[in-house]
Amino acid sequence: MARVYLSLGSNTEPRRYLRAALDELRLHFGALDVSPAYRSQSVGFDGADFVNLAVGLDTAMAPEALNDWLHALEDRHGRRRDVPRFSDRTLDIDIVLYDDLVRQGEGHLDIPRKELKHAFVLRPIADIAPDLRHPVSGLSMAALWAAFPVGSEPLTLESLESN
């Protein structure tokens, strides 16, 4: 079994789609470690704010198979692939870390995920796995977050509960 950390985000009905994704992940993988959710400005395009969180799970799936399964999950929840890559989305799920693997592949597979340099990915993972070490730098998630220029990418806690 591999220990995997995912980043989940949405800027289109985020409560609805993130809760639905968590439900499906629990059904398929069992117990999850789930971070708090954070609201942040969209990165890479001018769009609505995103709500992001991280999930830790164990799986026997290979990274490529897991990536395909996650893309299918996104698609089941309205993810459009006929629009520019950086645009509003119902659901965006990326494999950020997969054990200590370093690998790139089809389907935008990029482990460790380069977005780990952004607060919206780093902070949630640091919340649930502070002692986890980056497979390239060797630094812990807590150390990476402690060195992060927090004011450059503000985050606010966001509840996934219904209003």
C-alpha atoms as a PDB file:
ATOM      1  CA  MET A   1       0.000   0.000   0.000  1.00  0.00           C
ATOM      2  CA  ALA A   2       1.158   3.483  -0.833  1.00  0.00           C
ATOM      3  CA  ARG A   3       0.446   6.595   1.227  1.00  0.00           C
ATOM      4  CA  VAL A   4      -0.918   9.273  -1.086  1.00  0.00           C
ATOM      5  CA  TYR A   5      -1.784  12.929  -0.555  1.00  0.00           C
ATOM      6  CA  LEU A   6      -4.291  14.607  -2.837  1.00  0.00           C
ATOM      7  CA  SER A   7      -5.237  18.218  -3.350  1.00  0.00           C
ATOM      8  CA  LEU A   8      -8.941  18.841  -3.966  1.00  0.00           C
ATOM      9  CA  GLY A   9     -10.291  22.162  -5.149  1.00  0.00           C
ATOM     10  CA  SER A  10     -13.416  23.756  -6.555  1.00  0.00           C
ATOM     11  CA  ASN A  11     -14.578  27.231  -7.420  1.00  0.00           C
ATOM     12  CA  THR A  12     -18.013  26.257  -8.720  1.00  0.00           C
ATOM     13  CA  GLU A  13     -20.372  25.238  -5.899  1.00  0.00           C
ATOM     14  CA  PRO A  14     -17.371  24.101  -3.815  1.00  0.00           C
ATOM     15  CA  ARG A  15     -19.315  22.804  -0.813  1.00  0.00           C
ATOM     16  CA  ARG A  16     -21.414  20.550  -3.036  1.00  0.00           C
ATOM     17  CA  TYR A  17     -18.588  19.184  -5.149  1.00  0.00           C
ATOM     18  CA  LEU A  18     -15.932  18.820  -2.467  1.00  0.00           C
ATOM     19  CA  ARG A  19     -18.347  16.971  -0.151  1.00  0.00           C
ATOM     20  CA  ALA A  20     -19.377  14.685  -3.036  1.00  0.00           C
ATOM     21  CA  ALA A  21     -15.726  13.958  -3.849  1.00  0.00           C
ATOM     22  CA  LEU A  22     -14.946  13.159  -0.197  1.00  0.00           C
ATOM     23  CA  ASP A  23     -17.923  10.785  -0.095  1.00  0.00           C
ATOM     24  CA  GLU A  24     -16.706   8.911  -3.195  1.00  0.00           C
ATOM     25  CA  LEU A  25     -13.121   8.791  -1.952  1.00  0.00           C
ATOM     26  CA  ARG A  26     -14.299   7.290   1.364  1.00  0.00           C
ATOM     27  CA  LEU A  27     -16.419   4.699  -0.457  1.00  0.00           C
ATOM     28  CA  HIS A  28     -13.503   3.630  -2.630  1.00  0.00           C
ATOM     29  CA  PHE A  29     -10.502   3.981  -0.297  1.00  0.00           C
ATOM     30  CA  GLY A  30     -11.936   3.785   3.210  1.00  0.00           C
ATOM     31  CA  ALA A  31     -10.570   5.975   5.983  1.00  0.00           C
ATOM     32  CA  LEU A  32      -9.245   9.371   4.926  1.00  0.00           C
ATOM     33  CA  ASP A  33      -7.226  12.045   6.646  1.00  0.00           C
ATOM     34  CA  VAL A  34      -8.959  15.285   5.647  1.00  0.00           C
ATOM     35  CA  SER A  35      -7.554  18.754   6.212  1.00  0.00           C
ATOM     36  CA  PRO A  36      -9.528  21.881   6.934  1.00  0.00           C
ATOM     37  CA  ALA A  37     -10.752  23.662   3.797  1.00  0.00           C
ATOM     38  CA  TYR A  38      -9.313  27.021   2.769  1.00  0.00           C
ATOM     39  CA  ARG A  39     -10.568  29.747   0.456  1.00  0.00           C
ATOM     40  CA  SER A  40      -8.047  31.479  -1.804  1.00  0.00           C
ATOM     41  CA  GLN A  41      -7.922  33.496  -4.983  1.00  0.00           C
ATOM     42  CA  SER A  42      -7.686  31.548  -8.223  1.00  0.00           C
ATOM     43  CA  VAL A  43      -4.131  31.072  -9.517  1.00  0.00           C
ATOM     44  CA  GLY A  44      -3.271  31.216 -13.206  1.00  0.00           C
ATOM     45  CA  PHE A  45      -6.498  32.863 -14.351  1.00  0.00           C
ATOM     46  CA  ASP A  46      -9.077  35.449 -13.330  1.00  0.00           C
ATOM     47  CA  GLY A  47     -11.894  33.440 -11.751  1.00  0.00           C
ATOM     48  CA  ALA A  48     -13.962  32.934  -8.641  1.00  0.00           C
ATOM     49  CA  ASP A  49     -12.186  32.056  -5.392  1.00  0.00           C
ATOM     50  CA  PHE A  50     -11.288  28.406  -4.914  1.00  0.00           C
ATOM     51  CA  VAL A  51     -11.897  26.275  -1.860  1.00  0.00           C
ATOM     52  CA  ASN A  52      -9.130  23.698  -1.407  1.00  0.00           C
ATOM     53  CA  LEU A  53      -8.344  20.899   1.002  1.00  0.00           C
ATOM     54  CA  ALA A  54      -6.018  17.924   1.207  1.00  0.00           C
ATOM     55  CA  VAL A  55      -6.713  14.244   1.694  1.00  0.00           C
ATOM     56  CA  GLY A  56      -4.347  11.496   2.819  1.00  0.00           C
ATOM     57  CA  LEU A  57      -5.239   7.937   1.877  1.00  0.00           C
ATOM     58  CA  ASP A  58      -3.742   4.501   1.377  1.00  0.00           C
ATOM     59  CA  THR A  59      -4.032   2.689  -1.927  1.00  0.00           C
ATOM     60  CA  ALA A  60      -2.644  -0.264  -3.838  1.00  0.00           C
ATOM     61  CA  MET A  61      -3.381   1.534  -7.135  1.00  0.00           C
ATOM     62  CA  ALA A  62      -0.398   2.537  -9.260  1.00  0.00           C
ATOM     63  CA  PRO A  63      -0.042   6.317  -9.729  1.00  0.00           C
ATOM     64  CA  GLU A  64      -1.225   6.190 -13.345  1.00  0.00           C
ATOM     65  CA  ALA A  65      -4.316   4.126 -12.476  1.00  0.00           C
ATOM     66  CA  LEU A  66      -5.102   6.397  -9.537  1.00  0.00           C
ATOM     67  CA  ASN A  67      -4.736   9.480 -11.740  1.00  0.00           C
ATOM     68  CA  ASP A  68      -7.159   7.970 -14.272  1.00  0.00           C
ATOM     69  CA  TRP A  69      -9.628   7.105 -11.484  1.00  0.00           C
ATOM     70  CA  LEU A  70      -9.440  10.657 -10.125  1.00  0.00           C
ATOM     71  CA  HIS A  71     -10.036  12.127 -13.600  1.00  0.00           C
ATOM     72  CA  ALA A  72     -13.123   9.923 -13.927  1.00  0.00           C
ATOM     73  CA  LEU A  73     -14.302  11.168 -10.510  1.00  0.00           C
ATOM     74  CA  GLU A  74     -13.878  14.763 -11.678  1.00  0.00           C
ATOM     75  CA  ASP A  75     -15.783  13.971 -14.875  1.00  0.00           C
ATOM     76  CA  ARG A  76     -18.672  12.368 -12.962  1.00  0.00           C
ATOM     77  CA  HIS A  77     -19.046  15.669 -11.129  1.00  0.00           C
ATOM     78  CA  GLY A  78     -19.166  17.940 -14.135  1.00  0.00           C
ATOM     79  CA  ARG A  79     -15.499  18.696 -14.794  1.00  0.00           C
ATOM     80  CA  ARG A  80     -15.265  20.120 -18.288  1.00  0.00           C
ATOM     81  CA  ARG A  81     -12.257  19.326 -20.417  1.00  0.00           C
ATOM     82  CA  ASP A  82     -13.430  21.302 -23.479  1.00  0.00           C
ATOM     83  CA  VAL A  83     -12.479  24.640 -21.914  1.00  0.00           C
ATOM     84  CA  PRO A  84      -9.058  26.204 -21.257  1.00  0.00           C
ATOM     85  CA  ARG A  85      -7.065  24.255 -18.658  1.00  0.00           C
ATOM     86  CA  PHE A  86      -6.948  27.224 -16.306  1.00  0.00           C
ATOM     87  CA  SER A  87     -10.615  28.067 -15.855  1.00  0.00           C
ATOM     88  CA  ASP A  88     -13.457  27.680 -13.375  1.00  0.00           C
ATOM     89  CA  ARG A  89     -14.136  24.087 -12.370  1.00  0.00           C
ATOM     90  CA  THR A  90     -16.499  21.995 -10.326  1.00  0.00           C
ATOM     91  CA  LEU A  91     -13.731  19.713  -9.152  1.00  0.00           C
ATOM     92  CA  ASP A  92      -9.972  19.554  -9.485  1.00  0.00           C
ATOM     93  CA  ILE A  93      -8.153  16.636  -7.847  1.00  0.00           C
ATOM     94  CA  ASP A  94      -4.414  16.141  -8.123  1.00  0.00           C
ATOM     95  CA  ILE A  95      -2.002  13.585  -6.711  1.00  0.00           C
ATOM     96  CA  VAL A  96       0.493  15.770  -4.856  1.00  0.00           C
ATOM     97  CA  LEU A  97       2.615  13.099  -3.166  1.00  0.00           C
ATOM     98  CA  TYR A  98       2.709   9.323  -3.598  1.00  0.00           C
ATOM     99  CA  ASP A  99       5.047   7.788  -1.010  1.00  0.00           C
ATOM    100  CA  ASP A 100       8.494   9.171  -1.913  1.00  0.00           C
ATOM    101  CA  LEU A 101       7.963   8.777  -5.654  1.00  0.00           C
ATOM    102  CA  VAL A 102       9.208  11.324  -8.188  1.00  0.00           C
ATOM    103  CA  ARG A 103       7.494  10.819 -11.559  1.00  0.00           C
ATOM    104  CA  GLN A 104       5.917  12.616 -14.497  1.00  0.00           C
ATOM    105  CA  GLY A 105       3.481  11.043 -16.944  1.00  0.00           C
ATOM    106  CA  GLU A 106       0.407  11.359 -19.097  1.00  0.00           C
ATOM    107  CA  GLY A 107      -2.736  13.051 -17.855  1.00  0.00           C
ATOM    108  CA  HIS A 108      -0.755  15.850 -16.177  1.00  0.00           C
ATOM    109  CA  LEU A 109       0.715  13.333 -13.722  1.00  0.00           C
ATOM    110  CA  ASP A 110       3.430  15.224 -11.866  1.00  0.00           C
ATOM    111  CA  ILE A 111       4.655  13.788  -8.551  1.00  0.00           C
ATOM    112  CA  PRO A 112       5.511  15.651  -6.416  1.00  0.00           C
ATOM    113  CA  ARG A 113       3.045  18.200  -7.736  1.00  0.00           C
ATOM    114  CA  LYS A 114       4.658  21.543  -8.523  1.00  0.00           C
ATOM    115  CA  GLU A 115       1.623  23.334  -7.032  1.00  0.00           C
ATOM    116  CA  LEU A 116       3.014  22.305  -3.628  1.00  0.00           C
ATOM    117  CA  LYS A 117       4.797  25.674  -3.829  1.00  0.00           C
ATOM    118  CA  HIS A 118       1.393  27.376  -3.393  1.00  0.00           C
ATOM    119  CA  ALA A 119      -0.337  27.974  -0.048  1.00  0.00           C
ATOM    120  CA  PHE A 120      -3.586  26.352  -1.189  1.00  0.00           C
ATOM    121  CA  VAL A 121      -1.794  22.997  -1.609  1.00  0.00           C
ATOM    122  CA  LEU A 122       0.982  23.226   0.991  1.00  0.00           C
ATOM    123  CA  ARG A 123      -1.028  24.445   4.003  1.00  0.00           C
ATOM    124  CA  PRO A 124      -3.696  21.702   3.916  1.00  0.00           C
ATOM    125  CA  ILE A 125      -1.059  18.968   3.550  1.00  0.00           C
ATOM    126  CA  ALA A 126       1.023  20.497   6.346  1.00  0.00           C
ATOM    127  CA  ASP A 127      -2.125  20.427   8.501  1.00  0.00           C
ATOM    128  CA  ILE A 128      -2.614  16.668   8.162  1.00  0.00           C
ATOM    129  CA  ALA A 129       0.993  15.499   7.653  1.00  0.00           C
ATOM    130  CA  PRO A 130       3.396  18.023   9.215  1.00  0.00           C
ATOM    131  CA  ASP A 131       6.240  15.494   9.522  1.00  0.00           C
ATOM    132  CA  LEU A 132       5.897  14.209   5.944  1.00  0.00           C
ATOM    133  CA  ARG A 133       9.076  14.916   3.982  1.00  0.00           C
ATOM    134  CA  HIS A 134       9.232  16.275   0.445  1.00  0.00           C
ATOM    135  CA  PRO A 135      10.825  13.528  -1.692  1.00  0.00           C
ATOM    136  CA  VAL A 136      13.221  15.953  -3.414  1.00  0.00           C
ATOM    137  CA  SER A 137      14.142  18.597  -0.822  1.00  0.00           C
ATOM    138  CA  GLY A 138      13.829  16.337   2.221  1.00  0.00           C
ATOM    139  CA  LEU A 139      12.149  19.164   4.136  1.00  0.00           C
ATOM    140  CA  SER A 140       9.052  18.423   6.192  1.00  0.00           C
ATOM    141  CA  MET A 141       5.712  19.908   5.231  1.00  0.00           C
ATOM    142  CA  ALA A 142       5.770  21.831   8.535  1.00  0.00           C
ATOM    143  CA  ALA A 143       9.171  23.331   7.681  1.00  0.00           C
ATOM    144  CA  LEU A 144       8.050  24.226   4.165  1.00  0.00           C
ATOM    145  CA  TRP A 145       4.931  25.909   5.547  1.00  0.00           C
ATOM    146  CA  ALA A 146       6.921  27.745   8.260  1.00  0.00           C
ATOM    147  CA  ALA A 147       9.163  29.214   5.528  1.00  0.00           C
ATOM    148  CA  PHE A 148       6.237  30.175   3.280  1.00  0.00           C
ATOM    149  CA  PRO A 149       5.612  33.917   2.740  1.00  0.00           C
ATOM    150  CA  VAL A 150       2.042  33.705   4.064  1.00  0.00           C
ATOM    151  CA  GLY A 151       1.058  37.236   3.025  1.00  0.00           C
ATOM    152  CA  SER A 152       1.774  36.450  -0.623  1.00  0.00           C
ATOM    153  CA  GLU A 153      -1.133  33.994  -0.930  1.00  0.00           C
ATOM    154  CA  PRO A 154      -3.743  34.655   1.772  1.00  0.00           C
ATOM    155  CA  LEU A 155      -5.953  31.781   2.892  1.00  0.00           C
ATOM    156  CA  THR A 156      -9.114  31.853   4.972  1.00  0.00           C
ATOM    157  CA  LEU A 157     -10.699  28.870   6.670  1.00  0.00           C
ATOM    158  CA  GLU A 158     -13.859  27.726   4.929  1.00  0.00           C
ATOM    159  CA  SER A 159     -16.556  25.406   6.227  1.00  0.00           C
ATOM    160  CA  LEU A 160     -17.892  22.697   3.945  1.00  0.00           C
ATOM    161  CA  GLU A 161     -21.073  22.505   5.985  1.00  0.00           C
ATOM    162  CA  SER A 162     -24.279  23.899   4.534  1.00  0.00           C
ATOM    163  CA  ASN A 163     -25.065  27.467   5.448  1.00  0.00           C
END
